């Protein structure tokens, strides 16, 4: 069972969701959907920026919510919730409405399972996974709503062809050291020598605090 959750967790890694996010942008460019390309890049970029900002705030300055063990949005959960519903929606864009809805819901289900896996592999707290997933779903929902107003989107099946090799090959490549980069950047900006960790929440509290 643990291997199942680990596999799901890897599916939400930057090595998988990052290239799929890029594939979506490339597919939109190939279809000459310039406004949708810009919308996707801006929305996905905002989601990524919020993940990085909250993680850096905790690592560099210890800013988090101790009561719910929140030390930053889960990047895996955010990216999965943003990327997979959109990829499935676009892949079924030229299909009947019921198939388009079903495809989008399958993407949402996959994202939710990936978010749950981050708790099971003890990479994130429940609050970090839930909020990361919700952030990604907002990104996906806004994009899908905007895309629904566009009536000329082609190349739907091509997106599936582009994404399948990514899902199959990416989990076998060397993990992207995103957390290390974030930690180094946070320490440089904060001027601290050591990063803040959740261990600060387990330290005995002084009665004077």
N, C-alpha and C. Protein backbone atom coordinates (compact mmCIF):
# COMPACT_ATOMS: atom_id res chain seq x y z
N UNK A 1 0.83 -1.21 0.00
CA UNK A 1 0.00 0.00 0.00
C UNK A 1 0.87 1.26 0.00
N UNK A 2 2.00 1.19 0.74
CA UNK A 2 2.87 2.36 0.81
C UNK A 2 3.49 2.65 -0.55
N UNK A 3 3.78 1.60 -1.32
CA UNK A 3 4.33 1.79 -2.67
C UNK A 3 3.33 2.53 -3.56
N UNK A 4 2.04 2.26 -3.35
CA UNK A 4 0.98 2.93 -4.10
C UNK A 4 1.01 4.42 -3.84
N UNK A 5 1.08 4.80 -2.55
CA UNK A 5 1.11 6.22 -2.20
C UNK A 5 2.41 6.87 -2.67
N UNK A 6 3.52 6.15 -2.60
CA UNK A 6 4.79 6.70 -3.06
C UNK A 6 4.74 6.96 -4.57
N UNK A 7 4.14 6.03 -5.31
CA UNK A 7 4.02 6.21 -6.75
C UNK A 7 3.17 7.42 -7.10
N UNK A 8 2.09 7.61 -6.36
CA UNK A 8 1.25 8.79 -6.57
C UNK A 8 2.01 10.06 -6.25
N UNK A 9 2.78 10.01 -5.17
CA UNK A 9 3.56 11.18 -4.76
C UNK A 9 4.56 11.58 -5.85
N UNK A 10 5.22 10.58 -6.45
CA UNK A 10 6.17 10.85 -7.53
C UNK A 10 5.47 11.46 -8.74
N UNK A 11 4.24 11.05 -8.99
CA UNK A 11 3.47 11.58 -10.12
C UNK A 11 3.22 13.08 -9.97
N UNK A 12 3.23 13.56 -8.73
CA UNK A 12 3.03 14.99 -8.50
C UNK A 12 4.33 15.78 -8.43
N UNK A 13 5.46 15.11 -8.65
CA UNK A 13 6.75 15.78 -8.54
C UNK A 13 6.94 16.80 -9.66
N UNK A 14 7.89 17.69 -9.46
CA UNK A 14 8.18 18.71 -10.45
C UNK A 14 8.67 18.10 -11.75
N UNK A 15 9.34 16.94 -11.66
CA UNK A 15 9.84 16.26 -12.86
C UNK A 15 8.72 15.79 -13.76
N UNK A 16 7.52 15.60 -13.20
CA UNK A 16 6.36 15.17 -13.98
C UNK A 16 5.44 16.36 -14.30
N UNK A 17 5.00 17.05 -13.27
CA UNK A 17 4.01 18.12 -13.48
C UNK A 17 4.61 19.34 -14.17
N UNK A 18 5.91 19.60 -13.96
CA UNK A 18 6.53 20.73 -14.64
C UNK A 18 6.51 20.57 -16.15
N UNK A 19 7.04 19.45 -16.70
CA UNK A 19 6.97 19.23 -18.14
C UNK A 19 5.55 19.19 -18.70
N UNK A 20 4.60 18.64 -17.92
CA UNK A 20 3.22 18.62 -18.41
C UNK A 20 2.67 20.05 -18.49
N UNK A 21 3.01 20.87 -17.50
CA UNK A 21 2.60 22.26 -17.54
C UNK A 21 3.16 22.97 -18.77
N UNK A 22 4.42 22.66 -19.10
CA UNK A 22 5.05 23.23 -20.29
C UNK A 22 4.38 22.67 -21.55
N UNK A 23 4.06 21.38 -21.55
CA UNK A 23 3.40 20.75 -22.70
C UNK A 23 2.06 21.42 -22.98
N UNK A 24 1.34 21.77 -21.92
CA UNK A 24 0.06 22.46 -22.10
C UNK A 24 0.28 23.80 -22.81
N UNK A 25 1.31 24.54 -22.36
CA UNK A 25 1.61 25.83 -22.99
C UNK A 25 2.02 25.65 -24.45
N UNK A 26 2.86 24.64 -24.73
CA UNK A 26 3.31 24.38 -26.10
C UNK A 26 2.12 24.01 -26.98
N UNK A 27 1.24 23.18 -26.44
CA UNK A 27 0.04 22.76 -27.19
C UNK A 27 -0.84 23.95 -27.52
N UNK A 28 -1.01 24.86 -26.56
CA UNK A 28 -1.82 26.06 -26.80
C UNK A 28 -1.19 26.96 -27.85
N UNK A 29 0.14 27.07 -27.79
CA UNK A 29 0.85 27.87 -28.81
C UNK A 29 0.68 27.24 -30.18
N UNK A 30 0.79 25.89 -30.25
CA UNK A 30 0.64 25.20 -31.53
C UNK A 30 -0.75 25.40 -32.12
N UNK A 31 -1.73 25.55 -31.23
CA UNK A 31 -3.09 25.80 -31.69
C UNK A 31 -3.39 27.28 -31.91
N UNK A 32 -2.34 28.12 -31.77
CA UNK A 32 -2.46 29.57 -31.95
C UNK A 32 -3.49 30.19 -31.01
N UNK A 33 -3.60 29.60 -29.82
CA UNK A 33 -4.50 30.14 -28.79
C UNK A 33 -3.67 31.07 -27.90
N UNK A 34 -3.37 32.24 -28.40
CA UNK A 34 -2.45 33.14 -27.73
C UNK A 34 -2.96 33.60 -26.37
N UNK A 35 -4.24 33.95 -26.30
CA UNK A 35 -4.79 34.44 -25.02
C UNK A 35 -4.83 33.32 -23.98
N UNK A 36 -5.15 32.12 -24.41
CA UNK A 36 -5.17 31.00 -23.47
C UNK A 36 -3.75 30.65 -23.01
N UNK A 37 -2.80 30.77 -23.91
CA UNK A 37 -1.41 30.52 -23.54
C UNK A 37 -0.97 31.49 -22.45
N UNK A 38 -1.28 32.77 -22.66
CA UNK A 38 -0.92 33.79 -21.68
C UNK A 38 -1.64 33.54 -20.36
N UNK A 39 -2.94 33.19 -20.43
CA UNK A 39 -3.72 32.94 -19.22
C UNK A 39 -3.14 31.77 -18.44
N UNK A 40 -2.79 30.69 -19.13
CA UNK A 40 -2.23 29.51 -18.46
C UNK A 40 -0.90 29.84 -17.80
N UNK A 41 -0.03 30.52 -18.52
CA UNK A 41 1.29 30.85 -17.97
C UNK A 41 1.17 31.75 -16.75
N UNK A 42 0.27 32.73 -16.81
CA UNK A 42 0.09 33.65 -15.68
C UNK A 42 -0.50 32.92 -14.47
N UNK A 43 -1.54 32.15 -14.70
CA UNK A 43 -2.22 31.46 -13.59
C UNK A 43 -1.30 30.42 -12.95
N UNK A 44 -0.64 29.61 -13.77
CA UNK A 44 0.26 28.59 -13.23
C UNK A 44 1.45 29.25 -12.54
N UNK A 45 1.92 30.35 -13.13
CA UNK A 45 3.03 31.08 -12.52
C UNK A 45 2.66 31.66 -11.16
N UNK A 46 1.44 32.17 -11.03
CA UNK A 46 0.98 32.70 -9.75
C UNK A 46 0.92 31.59 -8.70
N UNK A 47 0.38 30.44 -9.10
CA UNK A 47 0.32 29.32 -8.18
C UNK A 47 1.70 28.89 -7.71
N UNK A 48 2.64 28.78 -8.63
CA UNK A 48 4.00 28.40 -8.27
C UNK A 48 4.65 29.45 -7.37
N UNK A 49 4.41 30.72 -7.69
CA UNK A 49 5.00 31.80 -6.90
C UNK A 49 4.50 31.78 -5.46
N UNK A 50 3.22 31.49 -5.27
CA UNK A 50 2.66 31.43 -3.92
C UNK A 50 3.25 30.26 -3.12
N UNK A 51 3.46 29.13 -3.80
CA UNK A 51 4.08 27.98 -3.14
C UNK A 51 5.49 28.35 -2.67
N UNK A 52 6.27 28.92 -3.58
CA UNK A 52 7.64 29.29 -3.25
C UNK A 52 7.68 30.35 -2.15
N UNK A 53 6.80 31.34 -2.24
CA UNK A 53 6.79 32.44 -1.26
C UNK A 53 6.49 31.93 0.15
N UNK A 54 5.50 31.05 0.28
CA UNK A 54 5.14 30.55 1.61
C UNK A 54 6.23 29.64 2.17
N UNK A 55 6.86 28.85 1.32
CA UNK A 55 7.94 27.98 1.79
C UNK A 55 9.15 28.81 2.21
N UNK A 56 9.48 29.83 1.42
CA UNK A 56 10.61 30.68 1.77
C UNK A 56 10.34 31.45 3.05
N UNK A 57 9.10 31.87 3.24
CA UNK A 57 8.75 32.62 4.46
C UNK A 57 8.99 31.78 5.70
N UNK A 58 8.70 30.47 5.60
CA UNK A 58 8.93 29.61 6.76
C UNK A 58 10.41 29.26 6.92
N UNK A 59 11.03 28.82 5.83
CA UNK A 59 12.44 28.40 5.90
C UNK A 59 13.35 29.54 6.33
N UNK A 60 13.09 30.73 5.82
CA UNK A 60 13.96 31.87 6.11
C UNK A 60 13.63 32.63 7.37
N UNK A 61 12.33 32.72 7.70
CA UNK A 61 11.91 33.56 8.84
C UNK A 61 11.04 32.83 9.86
N UNK A 62 10.72 31.57 9.61
CA UNK A 62 9.90 30.80 10.55
C UNK A 62 8.44 31.20 10.55
N UNK A 63 7.97 31.81 9.45
CA UNK A 63 6.58 32.26 9.37
C UNK A 63 5.68 31.11 8.92
N UNK A 64 4.83 30.66 9.82
CA UNK A 64 3.91 29.58 9.51
C UNK A 64 2.78 29.58 10.52
N UNK A 65 1.94 28.56 10.47
CA UNK A 65 0.81 28.45 11.40
C UNK A 65 1.02 27.18 12.22
N UNK A 66 1.53 27.36 13.43
CA UNK A 66 1.89 26.20 14.25
C UNK A 66 0.69 25.33 14.60
N UNK A 67 -0.47 25.95 14.85
CA UNK A 67 -1.64 25.19 15.32
C UNK A 67 -2.09 24.13 14.33
N UNK A 68 -1.84 24.36 13.03
CA UNK A 68 -2.24 23.38 12.02
C UNK A 68 -1.01 22.83 11.26
N UNK A 69 0.18 23.13 11.78
CA UNK A 69 1.43 22.67 11.19
C UNK A 69 1.54 23.07 9.71
N UNK A 70 1.27 24.33 9.45
CA UNK A 70 1.37 24.85 8.09
C UNK A 70 2.69 25.59 7.92
N UNK A 71 3.55 25.04 7.04
CA UNK A 71 4.84 25.66 6.78
C UNK A 71 5.00 26.01 5.29
N UNK A 72 3.88 26.09 4.59
CA UNK A 72 3.91 26.43 3.17
C UNK A 72 3.03 25.50 2.35
N UNK A 73 2.49 26.02 1.25
CA UNK A 73 1.66 25.20 0.37
C UNK A 73 2.47 24.01 -0.17
N UNK A 74 1.82 22.86 -0.27
CA UNK A 74 2.47 21.70 -0.88
C UNK A 74 2.60 21.94 -2.38
N UNK A 75 3.84 21.94 -2.87
CA UNK A 75 4.06 22.14 -4.30
C UNK A 75 3.52 20.99 -5.13
N UNK A 76 3.71 19.75 -4.65
CA UNK A 76 3.18 18.59 -5.35
C UNK A 76 1.67 18.72 -5.53
N UNK A 77 0.98 19.04 -4.43
CA UNK A 77 -0.48 19.13 -4.47
C UNK A 77 -0.94 20.27 -5.37
N UNK A 78 -0.29 21.43 -5.27
CA UNK A 78 -0.69 22.57 -6.09
C UNK A 78 -0.50 22.27 -7.58
N UNK A 79 0.68 21.78 -7.94
CA UNK A 79 0.95 21.52 -9.36
C UNK A 79 0.02 20.45 -9.92
N UNK A 80 -0.18 19.37 -9.15
CA UNK A 80 -1.05 18.30 -9.61
C UNK A 80 -2.48 18.80 -9.83
N UNK A 81 -2.98 19.59 -8.88
CA UNK A 81 -4.35 20.10 -8.97
C UNK A 81 -4.51 21.13 -10.07
N UNK A 82 -3.43 21.81 -10.42
CA UNK A 82 -3.50 22.79 -11.50
C UNK A 82 -3.34 22.11 -12.86
N UNK A 83 -2.42 21.17 -12.95
CA UNK A 83 -2.05 20.60 -14.24
C UNK A 83 -2.99 19.51 -14.73
N UNK A 84 -3.30 18.52 -13.90
CA UNK A 84 -4.04 17.36 -14.38
C UNK A 84 -5.48 17.67 -14.80
N UNK A 85 -6.26 18.44 -14.02
CA UNK A 85 -7.61 18.77 -14.51
C UNK A 85 -7.58 19.53 -15.83
N UNK A 86 -6.61 20.45 -15.98
CA UNK A 86 -6.50 21.21 -17.23
C UNK A 86 -6.10 20.31 -18.39
N UNK A 87 -5.12 19.43 -18.16
CA UNK A 87 -4.67 18.52 -19.22
C UNK A 87 -5.81 17.61 -19.68
N UNK A 88 -6.56 17.06 -18.73
CA UNK A 88 -7.69 16.20 -19.08
C UNK A 88 -8.79 16.99 -19.78
N UNK A 89 -9.05 18.20 -19.30
CA UNK A 89 -10.08 19.04 -19.93
C UNK A 89 -9.73 19.33 -21.38
N UNK A 90 -8.49 19.73 -21.63
CA UNK A 90 -8.07 20.06 -22.99
C UNK A 90 -8.02 18.82 -23.88
N UNK A 91 -7.63 17.68 -23.30
CA UNK A 91 -7.57 16.45 -24.09
C UNK A 91 -8.96 16.04 -24.57
N UNK A 92 -10.00 16.35 -23.78
CA UNK A 92 -11.37 16.00 -24.14
C UNK A 92 -12.15 17.20 -24.67
N UNK A 93 -11.42 18.26 -25.03
CA UNK A 93 -12.07 19.51 -25.43
C UNK A 93 -12.99 19.34 -26.63
N UNK A 94 -12.61 18.48 -27.58
CA UNK A 94 -13.42 18.29 -28.78
C UNK A 94 -14.41 17.14 -28.63
N UNK A 95 -14.50 16.55 -27.46
CA UNK A 95 -15.43 15.44 -27.20
C UNK A 95 -16.77 15.99 -26.74
N UNK A 96 -17.80 15.13 -26.68
CA UNK A 96 -19.09 15.57 -26.16
C UNK A 96 -18.95 16.11 -24.74
N UNK A 97 -19.87 17.02 -24.33
CA UNK A 97 -19.75 17.67 -23.01
C UNK A 97 -19.60 16.71 -21.85
N UNK A 98 -20.35 15.59 -21.87
CA UNK A 98 -20.27 14.65 -20.74
C UNK A 98 -18.89 14.03 -20.61
N UNK A 99 -18.23 13.78 -21.74
CA UNK A 99 -16.87 13.24 -21.70
C UNK A 99 -15.89 14.29 -21.22
N UNK A 100 -16.13 15.53 -21.61
CA UNK A 100 -15.26 16.62 -21.17
C UNK A 100 -15.35 16.79 -19.66
N UNK A 101 -16.55 16.72 -19.12
CA UNK A 101 -16.74 16.83 -17.67
C UNK A 101 -16.11 15.64 -16.95
N UNK A 102 -16.32 14.45 -17.49
CA UNK A 102 -15.76 13.24 -16.88
C UNK A 102 -14.23 13.30 -16.88
N UNK A 103 -13.65 13.73 -18.00
CA UNK A 103 -12.20 13.85 -18.08
C UNK A 103 -11.66 14.82 -17.05
N UNK A 104 -12.32 15.96 -16.91
CA UNK A 104 -11.88 16.96 -15.94
C UNK A 104 -11.98 16.42 -14.52
N UNK A 105 -13.06 15.70 -14.22
CA UNK A 105 -13.23 15.12 -12.88
C UNK A 105 -12.17 14.06 -12.60
N UNK A 106 -11.78 13.32 -13.62
CA UNK A 106 -10.70 12.33 -13.44
C UNK A 106 -9.39 13.04 -13.08
N UNK A 107 -9.16 14.19 -13.72
CA UNK A 107 -7.98 14.97 -13.39
C UNK A 107 -8.02 15.48 -11.96
N UNK A 108 -9.19 15.90 -11.52
CA UNK A 108 -9.37 16.38 -10.14
C UNK A 108 -9.14 15.22 -9.16
N UNK A 109 -9.70 14.06 -9.47
CA UNK A 109 -9.53 12.89 -8.60
C UNK A 109 -8.07 12.51 -8.47
N UNK A 110 -7.34 12.51 -9.59
CA UNK A 110 -5.92 12.19 -9.55
C UNK A 110 -5.16 13.20 -8.68
N UNK A 111 -5.51 14.47 -8.82
CA UNK A 111 -4.85 15.52 -8.03
C UNK A 111 -5.13 15.34 -6.54
N UNK A 112 -6.35 14.99 -6.19
CA UNK A 112 -6.71 14.79 -4.78
C UNK A 112 -5.94 13.59 -4.21
N UNK A 113 -5.84 12.52 -4.97
CA UNK A 113 -5.10 11.35 -4.51
C UNK A 113 -3.62 11.67 -4.32
N UNK A 114 -3.06 12.45 -5.22
CA UNK A 114 -1.66 12.86 -5.08
C UNK A 114 -1.48 13.71 -3.83
N UNK A 115 -2.44 14.60 -3.56
CA UNK A 115 -2.38 15.43 -2.36
C UNK A 115 -2.43 14.58 -1.10
N UNK A 116 -3.29 13.57 -1.09
CA UNK A 116 -3.39 12.66 0.05
C UNK A 116 -2.08 11.89 0.23
N UNK A 117 -1.46 11.51 -0.90
CA UNK A 117 -0.22 10.74 -0.82
C UNK A 117 0.89 11.52 -0.12
N UNK A 118 0.88 12.84 -0.24
CA UNK A 118 1.92 13.64 0.40
C UNK A 118 1.83 13.57 1.92
N UNK A 119 0.64 13.32 2.43
CA UNK A 119 0.46 13.13 3.88
C UNK A 119 0.93 11.72 4.27
N UNK A 120 0.57 10.73 3.45
CA UNK A 120 0.92 9.35 3.76
C UNK A 120 2.43 9.12 3.73
N UNK A 121 3.15 9.80 2.83
CA UNK A 121 4.61 9.62 2.78
C UNK A 121 5.31 10.57 3.75
N UNK A 122 4.50 11.29 4.55
CA UNK A 122 5.00 12.18 5.61
C UNK A 122 5.86 13.33 5.07
N UNK A 123 5.51 13.79 3.86
CA UNK A 123 6.22 14.92 3.28
C UNK A 123 5.56 16.24 3.66
N UNK A 124 4.24 16.19 3.95
CA UNK A 124 3.50 17.40 4.30
C UNK A 124 2.45 17.09 5.36
N UNK A 125 2.04 18.14 6.04
CA UNK A 125 0.92 18.02 6.98
C UNK A 125 -0.37 18.05 6.18
N UNK A 126 -1.48 17.74 6.85
CA UNK A 126 -2.79 17.78 6.19
C UNK A 126 -3.09 19.19 5.69
N UNK A 127 -2.80 20.19 6.51
CA UNK A 127 -3.11 21.57 6.13
C UNK A 127 -2.33 21.99 4.89
N UNK A 128 -1.08 21.58 4.78
CA UNK A 128 -0.26 21.96 3.62
C UNK A 128 -0.75 21.28 2.35
N UNK A 129 -1.14 20.01 2.46
CA UNK A 129 -1.64 19.29 1.29
C UNK A 129 -2.99 19.81 0.85
N UNK A 130 -3.89 20.06 1.82
CA UNK A 130 -5.23 20.54 1.49
C UNK A 130 -5.18 21.92 0.85
N UNK A 131 -4.43 22.83 1.47
CA UNK A 131 -4.35 24.19 0.92
C UNK A 131 -3.63 24.21 -0.42
N UNK A 132 -2.61 23.37 -0.58
CA UNK A 132 -1.93 23.29 -1.87
C UNK A 132 -2.86 22.79 -2.95
N UNK A 133 -3.65 21.77 -2.63
CA UNK A 133 -4.61 21.22 -3.58
C UNK A 133 -5.67 22.26 -3.95
N UNK A 134 -6.19 22.96 -2.95
CA UNK A 134 -7.20 23.99 -3.21
C UNK A 134 -6.65 25.11 -4.09
N UNK A 135 -5.41 25.51 -3.83
CA UNK A 135 -4.78 26.55 -4.64
C UNK A 135 -4.68 26.10 -6.09
N UNK A 136 -4.23 24.87 -6.30
CA UNK A 136 -4.12 24.35 -7.66
C UNK A 136 -5.47 24.23 -8.35
N UNK A 137 -6.48 23.81 -7.60
CA UNK A 137 -7.82 23.68 -8.19
C UNK A 137 -8.39 25.04 -8.59
N UNK A 138 -8.06 26.08 -7.82
CA UNK A 138 -8.48 27.43 -8.20
C UNK A 138 -7.82 27.83 -9.52
N UNK A 139 -6.53 27.55 -9.65
CA UNK A 139 -5.81 27.84 -10.89
C UNK A 139 -6.48 27.11 -12.06
N UNK A 140 -6.75 25.81 -11.88
CA UNK A 140 -7.37 25.02 -12.94
C UNK A 140 -8.77 25.52 -13.26
N UNK A 141 -9.56 25.82 -12.23
CA UNK A 141 -10.94 26.25 -12.45
C UNK A 141 -11.01 27.56 -13.21
N UNK A 142 -10.15 28.50 -12.85
CA UNK A 142 -10.15 29.80 -13.55
C UNK A 142 -9.74 29.61 -15.01
N UNK A 143 -8.73 28.78 -15.24
CA UNK A 143 -8.29 28.56 -16.62
C UNK A 143 -9.38 27.87 -17.43
N UNK A 144 -9.99 26.81 -16.87
CA UNK A 144 -11.02 26.07 -17.58
C UNK A 144 -12.22 26.96 -17.88
N UNK A 145 -12.59 27.81 -16.92
CA UNK A 145 -13.68 28.75 -17.17
C UNK A 145 -13.35 29.68 -18.34
N UNK A 146 -12.11 30.18 -18.34
CA UNK A 146 -11.69 31.08 -19.42
C UNK A 146 -11.63 30.33 -20.74
N UNK A 147 -11.12 29.09 -20.71
CA UNK A 147 -11.01 28.28 -21.93
C UNK A 147 -12.38 27.94 -22.50
N UNK A 148 -13.39 27.83 -21.63
CA UNK A 148 -14.73 27.48 -22.10
C UNK A 148 -15.35 28.57 -22.96
N UNK A 149 -14.78 29.78 -22.88
CA UNK A 149 -15.29 30.88 -23.70
C UNK A 149 -14.63 30.91 -25.08
N UNK A 150 -13.58 30.09 -25.26
CA UNK A 150 -12.90 29.99 -26.55
C UNK A 150 -13.52 28.84 -27.34
N UNK A 151 -13.92 29.11 -28.56
CA UNK A 151 -14.63 28.10 -29.35
C UNK A 151 -13.75 27.45 -30.41
N UNK A 152 -12.53 27.92 -30.56
CA UNK A 152 -11.67 27.36 -31.61
C UNK A 152 -10.35 26.89 -31.00
N UNK A 153 -10.42 25.71 -30.37
CA UNK A 153 -9.22 25.09 -29.79
C UNK A 153 -9.03 23.75 -30.48
N UNK A 154 -7.91 23.59 -31.17
CA UNK A 154 -7.67 22.36 -31.91
C UNK A 154 -6.58 21.53 -31.24
N UNK A 155 -6.20 20.44 -31.91
CA UNK A 155 -5.05 19.62 -31.49
C UNK A 155 -5.25 18.92 -30.14
N UNK A 156 -6.48 18.64 -29.75
CA UNK A 156 -6.72 18.03 -28.43
C UNK A 156 -5.98 16.71 -28.25
N UNK A 157 -6.06 15.83 -29.21
CA UNK A 157 -5.43 14.51 -29.07
C UNK A 157 -3.91 14.62 -29.00
N UNK A 158 -3.35 15.65 -29.62
CA UNK A 158 -1.90 15.83 -29.59
C UNK A 158 -1.40 16.03 -28.17
N UNK A 159 -2.20 16.67 -27.33
CA UNK A 159 -1.80 16.91 -25.94
C UNK A 159 -1.59 15.59 -25.21
N UNK A 160 -2.45 14.61 -25.47
CA UNK A 160 -2.32 13.30 -24.84
C UNK A 160 -1.01 12.65 -25.27
N UNK A 161 -0.71 12.73 -26.56
CA UNK A 161 0.53 12.15 -27.09
C UNK A 161 1.75 12.79 -26.45
N UNK A 162 1.68 14.10 -26.19
CA UNK A 162 2.80 14.81 -25.58
C UNK A 162 2.99 14.44 -24.12
N UNK A 163 1.89 14.20 -23.40
CA UNK A 163 1.96 13.99 -21.95
C UNK A 163 2.30 12.55 -21.55
N UNK A 164 1.89 11.58 -22.36
CA UNK A 164 2.12 10.18 -21.99
C UNK A 164 3.61 9.87 -21.77
N UNK A 165 4.52 10.26 -22.69
CA UNK A 165 5.95 9.98 -22.42
C UNK A 165 6.46 10.66 -21.16
N UNK A 166 5.94 11.84 -20.85
CA UNK A 166 6.37 12.55 -19.65
C UNK A 166 6.02 11.75 -18.40
N UNK A 167 4.79 11.27 -18.34
CA UNK A 167 4.33 10.52 -17.17
C UNK A 167 5.11 9.21 -17.02
N UNK A 168 5.47 8.59 -18.13
CA UNK A 168 6.17 7.31 -18.09
C UNK A 168 7.65 7.44 -17.79
N UNK A 169 8.28 8.49 -18.34
CA UNK A 169 9.74 8.62 -18.24
C UNK A 169 10.17 9.47 -17.05
N UNK A 170 9.48 10.58 -16.81
CA UNK A 170 9.91 11.55 -15.80
C UNK A 170 10.14 10.96 -14.41
N UNK A 171 9.27 10.05 -13.91
CA UNK A 171 9.51 9.51 -12.56
C UNK A 171 10.83 8.75 -12.42
N UNK A 172 11.44 8.37 -13.55
CA UNK A 172 12.68 7.60 -13.50
C UNK A 172 13.93 8.47 -13.59
N UNK A 173 13.74 9.76 -13.80
CA UNK A 173 14.90 10.64 -13.90
C UNK A 173 15.25 11.17 -12.51
N UNK A 174 16.40 11.82 -12.42
CA UNK A 174 16.87 12.36 -11.14
C UNK A 174 15.91 13.44 -10.66
N UNK A 175 15.48 13.39 -9.38
CA UNK A 175 14.54 14.40 -8.86
C UNK A 175 15.11 15.81 -8.97
N UNK A 176 14.23 16.76 -9.27
CA UNK A 176 14.65 18.16 -9.34
C UNK A 176 14.82 18.68 -7.90
N UNK A 177 16.00 19.22 -7.55
CA UNK A 177 16.26 19.67 -6.17
C UNK A 177 15.62 21.01 -5.85
N UNK A 178 14.31 21.11 -6.07
CA UNK A 178 13.61 22.39 -5.89
C UNK A 178 13.66 22.86 -4.44
N UNK A 179 13.50 21.92 -3.50
CA UNK A 179 13.50 22.30 -2.09
C UNK A 179 14.85 22.87 -1.68
N UNK A 180 15.94 22.31 -2.21
CA UNK A 180 17.27 22.82 -1.90
C UNK A 180 17.44 24.23 -2.43
N UNK A 181 16.93 24.48 -3.64
CA UNK A 181 17.03 25.83 -4.22
C UNK A 181 16.25 26.84 -3.38
N UNK A 182 15.06 26.43 -2.95
CA UNK A 182 14.23 27.33 -2.14
C UNK A 182 14.92 27.64 -0.81
N UNK A 183 15.50 26.59 -0.19
CA UNK A 183 16.20 26.79 1.08
C UNK A 183 17.37 27.74 0.93
N UNK A 184 18.18 27.55 -0.12
CA UNK A 184 19.33 28.41 -0.34
C UNK A 184 18.90 29.85 -0.57
N UNK A 185 17.84 30.05 -1.35
CA UNK A 185 17.36 31.40 -1.63
C UNK A 185 16.82 32.06 -0.37
N UNK A 186 16.09 31.28 0.45
CA UNK A 186 15.50 31.83 1.69
C UNK A 186 16.60 32.23 2.67
N UNK A 187 17.63 31.40 2.79
CA UNK A 187 18.73 31.72 3.71
C UNK A 187 19.50 32.94 3.23
N UNK A 188 19.69 33.06 1.93
CA UNK A 188 20.40 34.22 1.38
C UNK A 188 19.63 35.51 1.63
N UNK A 189 18.31 35.45 1.42
CA UNK A 189 17.49 36.65 1.61
C UNK A 189 17.35 37.02 3.09
N UNK A 190 17.22 36.01 3.96
CA UNK A 190 17.01 36.27 5.38
C UNK A 190 18.32 36.56 6.11
N UNK A 191 19.42 36.11 5.54
CA UNK A 191 20.72 36.31 6.20
C UNK A 191 20.98 35.33 7.32
N UNK A 192 20.15 34.29 7.45
CA UNK A 192 20.34 33.29 8.49
C UNK A 192 21.26 32.17 8.01
N UNK A 193 21.91 31.52 8.96
CA UNK A 193 22.83 30.42 8.62
C UNK A 193 22.12 29.08 8.52
N UNK A 194 21.04 28.92 9.30
CA UNK A 194 20.32 27.66 9.33
C UNK A 194 18.84 27.89 9.01
N UNK A 195 18.24 26.96 8.28
CA UNK A 195 16.82 27.12 7.95
C UNK A 195 15.92 26.79 9.15
N UNK A 196 14.77 27.43 9.20
CA UNK A 196 13.76 27.05 10.19
C UNK A 196 13.14 25.72 9.75
N UNK A 197 12.86 24.87 10.72
CA UNK A 197 12.20 23.60 10.45
C UNK A 197 11.03 23.43 11.42
N UNK A 198 10.25 22.39 11.20
CA UNK A 198 9.11 22.14 12.10
C UNK A 198 9.55 21.81 13.52
N UNK A 199 10.84 21.53 13.70
CA UNK A 199 11.35 21.22 15.03
C UNK A 199 11.14 22.38 16.00
N UNK A 200 11.05 23.61 15.48
CA UNK A 200 10.85 24.77 16.36
C UNK A 200 9.49 24.70 17.05
N UNK A 201 8.56 23.99 16.43
CA UNK A 201 7.23 23.88 17.03
C UNK A 201 7.19 22.81 18.13
N UNK A 202 8.22 21.98 18.15
CA UNK A 202 8.27 20.93 19.18
C UNK A 202 9.16 21.30 20.35
N UNK A 203 9.76 22.46 20.27
CA UNK A 203 10.61 22.92 21.36
C UNK A 203 9.75 23.36 22.54
N UNK A 204 10.22 23.14 23.78
CA UNK A 204 9.46 23.59 24.96
C UNK A 204 9.26 25.10 24.94
N UNK A 205 8.05 25.53 25.21
CA UNK A 205 7.72 26.94 25.21
C UNK A 205 7.99 27.57 26.59
N UNK A 206 8.62 28.74 26.58
CA UNK A 206 8.86 29.45 27.82
C UNK A 206 7.55 30.03 28.35
N UNK A 207 7.29 29.95 29.66
CA UNK A 207 6.04 30.49 30.22
C UNK A 207 5.96 32.02 30.07
N UNK A 208 7.09 32.66 29.74
CA UNK A 208 7.07 34.11 29.56
C UNK A 208 6.62 34.50 28.17
N UNK A 209 6.54 33.52 27.22
CA UNK A 209 6.15 33.84 25.85
C UNK A 209 4.63 34.00 25.77
